[in-house]
Amino acid sequence: MPELPEVETVMRGMRVHLEGHTISSASTHHTGLRWPFPPGLARALEGQRIDGFARRGKYILITLSGGMVVVLHLGMSGRVLLSRPSVAERGQPPALHEHLVIETGEGARCGLVDPRRFGMVDLVPAVEVESHRLLAGMGPEPLGNRFGGSWLAAKGRGRRTSIKALLLDQRVVAGLGNIYVSEALFRARIHPARAAGEISAAEYDELAAQVRAVLDEAIAAGGSSLRDYVQPDGELGYFQHAWRVYGREGLGCPDCPGPPACDGVERITQSGRSSFFCPRLQEARDDLGKDLS
């Protein structure tokens, strides 16, 4: 599933391509994705000016001139295809698995492709966005001012849940996913299965700094390409080439001094997800294994 850097990359591409444009036509080519499309979605979009774009967690928010906001989630395989077709090409049939298409009076085309249909599209009044059932209760943005070591320390205080589970909880911090949590924990030298309540304030400060750093680097690199994910212009993201532990089970740790170096990156399963870590740099504790949630 695309994580925060991938969603941010898509949102920025859409902003460059579509902001300020007026939607001249819109069409849906299925009843919906994970949930049905809002009734009359295509008709409601036509004639609207696209005033702005934002991201909240893993959701893209598209503000329209009529006081409505499109809430978009890419799901597991969703992609946004942006193009500027010629006059002759406009109005062509949708591509395979292209469920929503909009064209603008300025000559741009935007198509939402989602083969597995785990994404979603909703249309809500702008004044109700923060209370939307999928956005209400979401934690602060990890690149925003509210997020930091003190915030994490307060949320983790006294908790036996693992630090990885804490970071993946969207009520604690918005938008983090498996890849970037693994990478940030490695950089902060914290084992993913350590209990959140046993991590020191200094460690939380370092962890928050590393979360910001890894996300900033990934956004600058255009995100990580996993299976179906590509940027709106069709280019693959390339941050996966900078992964230090994620997906590197059995490979040498890039930061381990030697000789002797560690035996390689290890993998454990936490709540059905793989966690990657260096057993030497992310020191294990005696209580590990009691709670791998």
Protein backbone atom coordinates (compact mmCIF):
# COMPACT_ATOMS: atom_id res chain seq x y z
CA MET A 1 0.00 0.00 0.00
CA PRO A 2 1.36 3.46 -0.83
CA GLU A 3 2.58 5.21 2.30
CA LEU A 4 2.86 8.90 3.14
CA PRO A 5 5.75 9.75 0.75
CA GLU A 6 4.01 8.04 -2.18
CA VAL A 7 0.70 9.78 -1.44
CA GLU A 8 2.49 13.12 -1.05
CA THR A 9 4.22 12.58 -4.40
CA VAL A 10 0.93 11.82 -6.13
CA MET A 11 -0.77 14.82 -4.50
CA ARG A 12 2.00 17.18 -5.61
CA GLY A 13 1.84 15.84 -9.16
CA MET A 14 -1.91 16.38 -9.26
CA ARG A 15 -1.48 19.91 -7.92
CA VAL A 16 0.95 20.86 -10.69
CA HIS A 17 -1.24 19.27 -13.35
CA LEU A 18 -4.73 20.33 -12.24
CA GLU A 19 -4.79 23.19 -9.75
CA GLY A 20 -6.80 26.17 -11.01
CA HIS A 21 -8.43 24.12 -13.77
CA THR A 22 -12.18 23.81 -14.32
CA ILE A 23 -13.61 20.32 -14.76
CA SER A 24 -15.33 20.19 -18.13
CA SER A 25 -16.35 16.52 -17.96
CA ALA A 26 -16.28 13.68 -15.46
CA SER A 27 -17.28 10.05 -15.75
CA THR A 28 -17.36 6.96 -13.54
CA HIS A 29 -16.91 3.50 -15.01
CA HIS A 30 -17.87 1.32 -12.09
CA THR A 31 -20.28 1.60 -9.21
CA GLY A 32 -17.40 2.30 -6.86
CA LEU A 33 -14.24 1.01 -5.27
CA ARG A 34 -14.08 -0.22 -1.66
CA TRP A 35 -17.35 1.63 -1.17
CA PRO A 36 -19.83 2.92 -3.79
CA PHE A 37 -19.12 6.28 -5.37
CA PRO A 38 -21.23 9.11 -3.94
CA PRO A 39 -24.53 9.36 -5.88
CA GLY A 40 -24.21 11.71 -8.83
CA LEU A 41 -20.44 12.11 -8.37
CA ALA A 42 -19.62 12.80 -12.01
CA ARG A 43 -22.41 15.34 -12.37
CA ALA A 44 -21.37 17.07 -9.13
CA LEU A 45 -17.77 17.43 -10.35
CA GLU A 46 -18.57 18.97 -13.72
CA GLY A 47 -18.20 22.74 -13.83
CA GLN A 48 -16.20 22.89 -10.60
CA ARG A 49 -12.88 24.72 -10.41
CA ILE A 50 -10.10 22.80 -8.67
CA ASP A 51 -8.92 25.28 -6.05
CA GLY A 52 -6.33 23.27 -4.13
CA PHE A 53 -4.79 20.03 -2.94
CA ALA A 54 -3.74 18.77 0.47
CA ARG A 55 -2.81 15.49 2.11
CA ARG A 56 -4.08 14.14 5.43
CA GLY A 57 -2.33 10.94 6.44
CA LYS A 58 -2.65 8.70 3.38
CA TYR A 59 -5.65 10.60 1.98
CA ILE A 60 -5.57 13.20 -0.80
CA LEU A 61 -7.97 16.14 -0.37
CA ILE A 62 -9.07 18.07 -3.47
CA THR A 63 -10.84 21.36 -2.74
CA LEU A 64 -13.46 22.47 -5.28
CA SER A 65 -14.88 25.94 -5.87
CA GLY A 66 -18.40 24.99 -4.81
CA GLY A 67 -17.44 24.32 -1.21
CA MET A 68 -16.96 20.58 -1.60
CA VAL A 69 -13.87 18.41 -1.12
CA VAL A 70 -12.99 15.16 -2.88
CA VAL A 71 -11.46 12.67 -0.43
CA LEU A 72 -9.27 10.16 -2.28
CA HIS A 73 -7.44 7.07 -1.01
CA LEU A 74 -5.31 4.97 -3.36
CA GLY A 75 -5.84 1.70 -1.51
CA MET A 76 -3.40 -1.09 -2.32
CA SER A 77 -3.11 -0.74 -6.09
CA GLY A 78 -4.53 2.67 -6.96
CA ARG A 79 -2.73 4.96 -9.39
CA VAL A 80 -3.45 8.39 -10.78
CA LEU A 81 -2.75 8.84 -14.49
CA LEU A 82 -2.20 12.43 -15.60
CA SER A 83 -1.98 13.48 -19.23
CA ARG A 84 -2.71 16.26 -21.71
CA PRO A 85 -4.45 14.54 -24.61
CA SER A 86 -4.85 16.18 -27.98
CA VAL A 87 -8.27 17.44 -29.03
CA ALA A 88 -8.79 14.26 -31.04
CA GLU A 89 -7.88 12.08 -28.06
CA ARG A 90 -10.24 13.76 -25.60
CA GLY A 91 -13.31 11.75 -24.65
CA GLN A 92 -11.66 8.42 -25.44
CA PRO A 93 -12.85 5.28 -23.58
CA PRO A 94 -11.22 4.70 -20.18
CA ALA A 95 -8.16 2.54 -19.78
CA LEU A 96 -8.38 -0.88 -18.16
CA HIS A 97 -9.46 -0.56 -14.49
CA GLU A 98 -9.83 3.22 -14.87
CA HIS A 99 -12.87 3.88 -12.68
CA LEU A 100 -12.99 7.69 -12.54
CA VAL A 101 -11.95 10.12 -15.29
CA ILE A 102 -12.02 13.90 -15.28
CA GLU A 103 -11.05 16.27 -18.06
CA THR A 104 -10.56 20.00 -17.70
CA GLY A 105 -11.25 22.95 -19.93
CA GLU A 106 -7.53 23.68 -19.85
CA GLY A 107 -6.76 20.38 -21.59
CA ALA A 108 -5.73 18.12 -18.71
CA ARG A 109 -6.95 14.60 -18.06
CA CYS A 110 -6.87 12.70 -14.76
CA GLY A 111 -7.75 9.03 -14.44
CA LEU A 112 -7.99 6.90 -11.30
CA VAL A 113 -6.88 3.33 -11.95
CA ASP A 114 -7.42 0.71 -9.26
CA PRO A 115 -7.32 -2.95 -10.37
CA ARG A 116 -8.04 -4.33 -6.91
CA ARG A 117 -10.60 -1.66 -6.01
CA PHE A 118 -9.39 -1.18 -2.43
CA GLY A 119 -9.24 2.59 -2.82
CA MET A 120 -12.05 5.05 -2.15
CA VAL A 121 -13.50 8.32 -3.38
CA ASP A 122 -15.89 10.48 -1.39
CA LEU A 123 -17.33 13.96 -1.87
CA VAL A 124 -18.03 15.95 1.29
CA PRO A 125 -18.67 19.58 2.27
CA ALA A 126 -15.43 21.37 3.15
CA VAL A 127 -16.74 22.20 6.64
CA GLU A 128 -17.18 18.47 7.35
CA VAL A 129 -13.78 17.21 6.22
CA GLU A 130 -12.20 17.12 9.67
CA SER A 131 -15.14 15.17 11.06
CA HIS A 132 -15.21 12.68 8.18
CA ARG A 133 -15.44 9.14 9.51
CA LEU A 134 -12.06 8.23 7.99
CA LEU A 135 -10.23 11.36 9.14
CA ALA A 136 -11.71 12.16 12.55
CA GLY A 137 -9.46 11.10 15.41
CA MET A 138 -6.37 10.89 13.24
CA GLY A 139 -3.10 11.85 14.95
CA PRO A 140 -0.79 14.71 13.93
CA GLU A 141 1.14 14.75 10.68
CA PRO A 142 4.70 13.47 11.23
CA LEU A 143 6.08 16.43 9.27
CA GLY A 144 3.94 18.95 11.13
CA ASN A 145 4.61 21.06 14.21
CA ARG A 146 2.48 18.99 16.61
CA PHE A 147 4.56 15.86 16.11
CA GLY A 148 7.73 15.30 18.10
CA GLY A 149 9.44 13.23 20.74
CA SER A 150 7.34 14.60 23.58
CA TRP A 151 4.14 13.70 21.73
CA LEU A 152 5.32 10.13 21.17
CA ALA A 153 6.52 9.81 24.75
CA ALA A 154 3.12 10.89 26.06
CA LYS A 155 1.31 8.41 23.82
CA GLY A 156 3.67 5.58 24.73
CA ARG A 157 3.80 6.20 28.47
CA GLY A 158 2.97 3.05 30.43
CA ARG A 159 2.05 1.02 27.35
CA ARG A 160 3.18 -2.55 26.75
CA THR A 161 2.40 -2.45 23.03
CA SER A 162 5.45 -2.51 20.79
CA ILE A 163 6.95 0.74 19.55
CA LYS A 164 6.27 -0.35 15.99
CA ALA A 165 2.57 -0.85 16.72
CA LEU A 166 2.46 2.57 18.36
CA LEU A 167 3.92 4.26 15.27
CA LEU A 168 1.52 2.43 12.95
CA ASP A 169 -1.50 3.55 14.97
CA GLN A 170 -3.06 6.30 12.87
CA ARG A 171 -4.57 7.80 16.04
CA VAL A 172 -1.03 8.43 17.30
CA VAL A 173 0.57 9.70 14.11
CA ALA A 174 -0.98 10.00 10.65
CA GLY A 175 0.33 8.38 7.51
CA LEU A 176 3.14 6.14 8.71
CA GLY A 177 3.35 2.63 7.26
CA ASN A 178 5.44 -0.49 7.49
CA ILE A 179 8.36 0.58 5.31
CA TYR A 180 9.14 3.94 6.85
CA VAL A 181 8.53 2.80 10.42
CA SER A 182 11.10 0.03 9.94
CA GLU A 183 13.57 2.47 8.44
CA ALA A 184 13.08 5.12 11.15
CA LEU A 185 13.42 2.59 13.98
CA PHE A 186 16.67 1.36 12.45
CA ARG A 187 18.07 4.87 12.20
CA ALA A 188 17.07 5.56 15.80
CA ARG A 189 18.62 2.22 16.90
CA ILE A 190 15.39 1.02 18.52
CA HIS A 191 14.24 -2.59 18.24
CA PRO A 192 10.72 -2.75 16.70
CA ALA A 193 9.42 -5.07 19.44
CA ARG A 194 10.48 -2.94 22.41
CA ALA A 195 7.59 -1.89 24.62
CA ALA A 196 6.55 1.70 23.94
CA GLY A 197 6.44 2.46 27.66
CA GLU A 198 10.09 1.49 28.18
CA ILE A 199 11.59 3.90 25.68
CA SER A 200 13.27 6.96 27.14
CA ALA A 201 12.45 10.58 26.38
CA ALA A 202 15.82 10.99 24.65
CA GLU A 203 15.14 7.96 22.46
CA TYR A 204 11.72 9.33 21.54
CA ASP A 205 13.31 12.64 20.53
CA GLU A 206 15.75 10.80 18.28
CA LEU A 207 13.01 8.59 16.87
CA ALA A 208 10.82 11.57 15.97
CA ALA A 209 13.79 13.21 14.25
CA GLN A 210 14.49 10.06 12.24
CA VAL A 211 10.84 9.69 11.25
CA ARG A 212 10.98 13.20 9.79
CA ALA A 213 14.32 12.57 8.10
CA VAL A 214 13.34 9.32 6.39
CA LEU A 215 10.04 10.79 5.17
CA ASP A 216 11.73 13.92 3.84
CA GLU A 217 14.30 11.81 1.97
CA ALA A 218 11.64 9.50 0.55
CA ILE A 219 9.49 12.40 -0.67
CA ALA A 220 12.53 13.99 -2.32
CA ALA A 221 13.20 10.67 -4.05
CA GLY A 222 9.63 10.39 -5.28
CA GLY A 223 8.58 7.60 -2.93
CA SER A 224 9.27 3.88 -3.05
CA SER A 225 7.89 1.79 -5.90
CA LEU A 226 6.20 -1.40 -4.74
CA ARG A 227 4.35 -3.48 -7.33
CA ASP A 228 1.70 -1.17 -8.78
CA TYR A 229 2.87 2.18 -7.44
CA VAL A 230 4.25 4.77 -9.85
CA GLN A 231 4.27 8.54 -9.72
CA PRO A 232 1.57 10.43 -11.65
CA ASP A 233 3.97 11.08 -14.54
CA GLY A 234 4.63 7.35 -14.85
CA GLU A 235 8.13 7.47 -13.36
CA LEU A 236 9.00 4.96 -10.67
CA GLY A 237 10.00 6.27 -7.27
CA TYR A 238 13.49 5.20 -6.26
CA PHE A 239 13.77 5.53 -2.49
CA GLN A 240 13.66 1.72 -2.28
CA HIS A 241 17.29 1.81 -3.42
CA ALA A 242 18.10 3.66 -0.19
CA TRP A 243 16.41 1.19 2.15
CA ARG A 244 18.80 0.18 4.91
CA VAL A 245 16.83 -2.69 6.45
CA TYR A 246 13.39 -3.04 4.87
CA GLY A 247 13.26 -6.13 2.64
CA ARG A 248 16.94 -6.89 3.32
CA GLU A 249 16.63 -10.04 5.44
CA GLY A 250 19.93 -11.92 5.50
CA LEU A 251 21.85 -9.10 3.86
CA GLY A 252 24.57 -7.21 5.65
CA CYS A 253 23.61 -4.23 7.75
CA PRO A 254 24.94 -1.11 5.99
CA ASP A 255 25.77 0.64 9.28
CA CYS A 256 27.37 -2.22 11.22
CA PRO A 257 31.06 -1.68 11.97
CA GLY A 258 33.31 -4.63 11.45
CA PRO A 259 34.95 -6.89 11.83
CA PRO A 260 33.02 -8.63 13.14
CA ALA A 261 29.84 -7.26 11.64
CA CYS A 262 26.41 -8.67 12.45
CA ASP A 263 25.12 -11.78 10.68
CA GLY A 264 22.75 -9.66 8.64
CA VAL A 265 19.39 -7.97 8.82
CA GLU A 266 16.73 -10.07 10.56
CA ARG A 267 12.97 -10.22 10.11
CA ILE A 268 10.20 -10.87 12.61
CA THR A 269 6.44 -10.83 12.16
CA GLN A 270 4.37 -8.35 14.15
CA SER A 271 0.59 -8.42 13.77
CA GLY A 272 0.97 -10.13 10.41
CA ARG A 273 3.51 -7.61 9.07
CA SER A 274 7.22 -8.07 8.55
CA SER A 275 9.62 -6.00 10.64
CA PHE A 276 13.27 -5.72 9.64
CA PHE A 277 16.08 -4.76 12.00
CA CYS A 278 19.77 -5.15 12.77
CA PRO A 279 20.17 -7.38 15.86
CA ARG A 280 23.42 -5.65 16.75
CA LEU A 281 22.52 -1.99 16.37
CA GLN A 282 18.90 -2.33 17.48
CA GLU A 283 19.67 -4.11 20.70
CA ALA A 284 17.14 -6.68 21.88
CA ARG A 285 15.94 -6.69 25.47
CA ASP A 286 15.16 -9.60 27.80
CA ASP A 287 11.41 -9.08 27.56
CA LEU A 288 11.27 -9.23 23.76
CA GLY A 289 9.08 -12.00 22.46
CA LYS A 290 6.45 -11.53 25.13
CA ASP A 291 4.63 -8.94 23.04
CA LEU A 292 5.20 -8.77 19.31
CA SER A 293 1.97 -6.88 18.64
